[in-house]
Amino acid sequence: MNRKNINKKIVIPDDTYLEEISFIFNQNNDSCDSDKDGQNLVIKTTDGGVGPYLVLETVRWAINFEELEWFFDVIKNIRILGVKYGKKG
């Protein structure tokens, strides 16, 4: 497994908020997938006014059990950004 470290410090001014955070991941298709274009996964936050929530969009995304910890760390970091910098009101 060769995953890039995406932990970077992000500083956003107090009078600014993130309306949406979006990440698009792409990987080669797995051995059971007949699609030749690979697999895409979109993870984003959105806020309908009550607070941020996660949206996952994909047709197919295969992940090994060994990669689950990395995957959940990515989601936790996205959640932290959405909660910390989402709409205040």
Protein backbone atom coordinates (compact mmCIF):
# COMPACT_ATOMS: atom_id res chain seq x y z
CA MET A 1 0.00 0.00 0.00
CA ASN A 2 1.47 3.32 -1.06
CA ARG A 3 -0.84 6.11 0.11
CA LYS A 4 0.13 9.75 0.17
CA ASN A 5 0.00 11.65 3.42
CA ILE A 6 -2.70 14.30 3.00
CA ASN A 7 -2.36 15.84 6.46
CA LYS A 8 -1.60 19.51 5.83
CA LYS A 9 -2.32 22.46 8.08
CA ILE A 10 -5.10 24.61 6.68
CA VAL A 11 -5.73 28.07 8.09
CA ILE A 12 -8.96 29.83 7.19
CA PRO A 13 -9.82 33.35 8.46
CA ASP A 14 -12.53 33.63 11.12
CA ASP A 15 -14.91 35.51 8.82
CA THR A 16 -14.70 32.82 6.12
CA TYR A 17 -16.35 29.39 6.01
CA LEU A 18 -16.15 26.41 3.72
CA GLU A 19 -19.45 25.74 2.05
CA GLU A 20 -18.29 22.47 0.56
CA ILE A 21 -15.15 20.36 0.74
CA SER A 22 -14.68 17.87 -2.06
CA PHE A 23 -12.05 15.20 -2.75
CA ILE A 24 -12.00 12.97 -5.81
CA PHE A 25 -10.04 9.72 -5.56
CA ASN A 26 -9.21 7.54 -8.54
CA GLN A 27 -7.75 4.04 -8.62
CA ASN A 28 -7.31 1.22 -11.11
CA ASN A 29 -10.21 -1.17 -11.34
CA ASP A 30 -10.13 -4.28 -9.18
CA SER A 31 -9.94 -7.80 -10.57
CA CYS A 32 -13.74 -8.23 -10.47
CA ASP A 33 -14.50 -4.94 -12.24
CA SER A 34 -14.98 -5.01 -16.01
CA ASP A 35 -14.86 -1.21 -16.42
CA LYS A 36 -11.62 -0.17 -18.11
CA ASP A 37 -11.68 3.43 -16.86
CA GLY A 38 -10.84 2.66 -13.23
CA GLN A 39 -12.83 3.59 -10.16
CA ASN A 40 -13.70 7.03 -8.82
CA LEU A 41 -14.84 8.00 -5.37
CA VAL A 42 -16.04 11.48 -4.47
CA ILE A 43 -16.10 12.37 -0.78
CA LYS A 44 -17.49 15.78 0.07
CA THR A 45 -19.14 17.73 2.79
CA THR A 46 -22.16 19.90 2.34
CA ASP A 47 -24.18 21.98 4.74
CA GLY A 48 -27.92 22.38 4.43
CA GLY A 49 -28.01 24.90 7.26
CA VAL A 50 -28.13 22.47 10.19
CA GLY A 51 -24.49 21.44 10.03
CA PRO A 52 -22.08 19.68 7.70
CA TYR A 53 -22.55 16.09 6.64
CA LEU A 54 -20.61 13.70 4.38
CA VAL A 55 -21.68 12.66 0.91
CA LEU A 56 -20.00 9.69 -0.81
CA GLU A 57 -20.52 9.22 -4.54
CA THR A 58 -19.28 6.23 -6.54
CA VAL A 59 -20.36 3.59 -8.98
CA ARG A 60 -17.79 1.18 -7.56
CA TRP A 61 -14.89 1.59 -5.14
CA ALA A 62 -13.04 -1.51 -3.98
CA ILE A 63 -10.85 -1.32 -0.89
CA ASN A 64 -8.72 -3.92 0.85
CA PHE A 65 -9.33 -4.53 4.53
CA GLU A 66 -5.75 -3.41 5.20
CA GLU A 67 -6.58 0.03 3.78
CA LEU A 68 -9.65 0.67 5.93
CA GLU A 69 -7.70 2.50 8.65
CA TRP A 70 -6.26 4.88 6.04
CA PHE A 71 -9.70 5.37 4.50
CA PHE A 72 -11.34 6.21 7.83
CA ASP A 73 -8.49 8.60 8.65
CA VAL A 74 -9.21 10.43 5.40
CA ILE A 75 -12.91 10.68 6.30
CA LYS A 76 -12.11 11.87 9.84
CA ASN A 77 -9.86 14.62 8.48
CA ILE A 78 -12.54 15.74 6.02
CA ARG A 79 -15.09 15.76 8.85
CA ILE A 80 -12.81 17.82 11.09
CA LEU A 81 -12.42 20.42 8.33
CA GLY A 82 -16.18 20.54 7.72
CA VAL A 83 -17.05 20.93 11.39
CA LYS A 84 -14.27 23.41 12.16
CA TYR A 85 -14.76 25.62 9.14
CA GLY A 86 -18.41 25.05 8.22
CA LYS A 87 -21.12 27.68 8.46
CA LYS A 88 -21.40 29.35 11.82
CA GLY A 89 -24.67 30.65 12.83
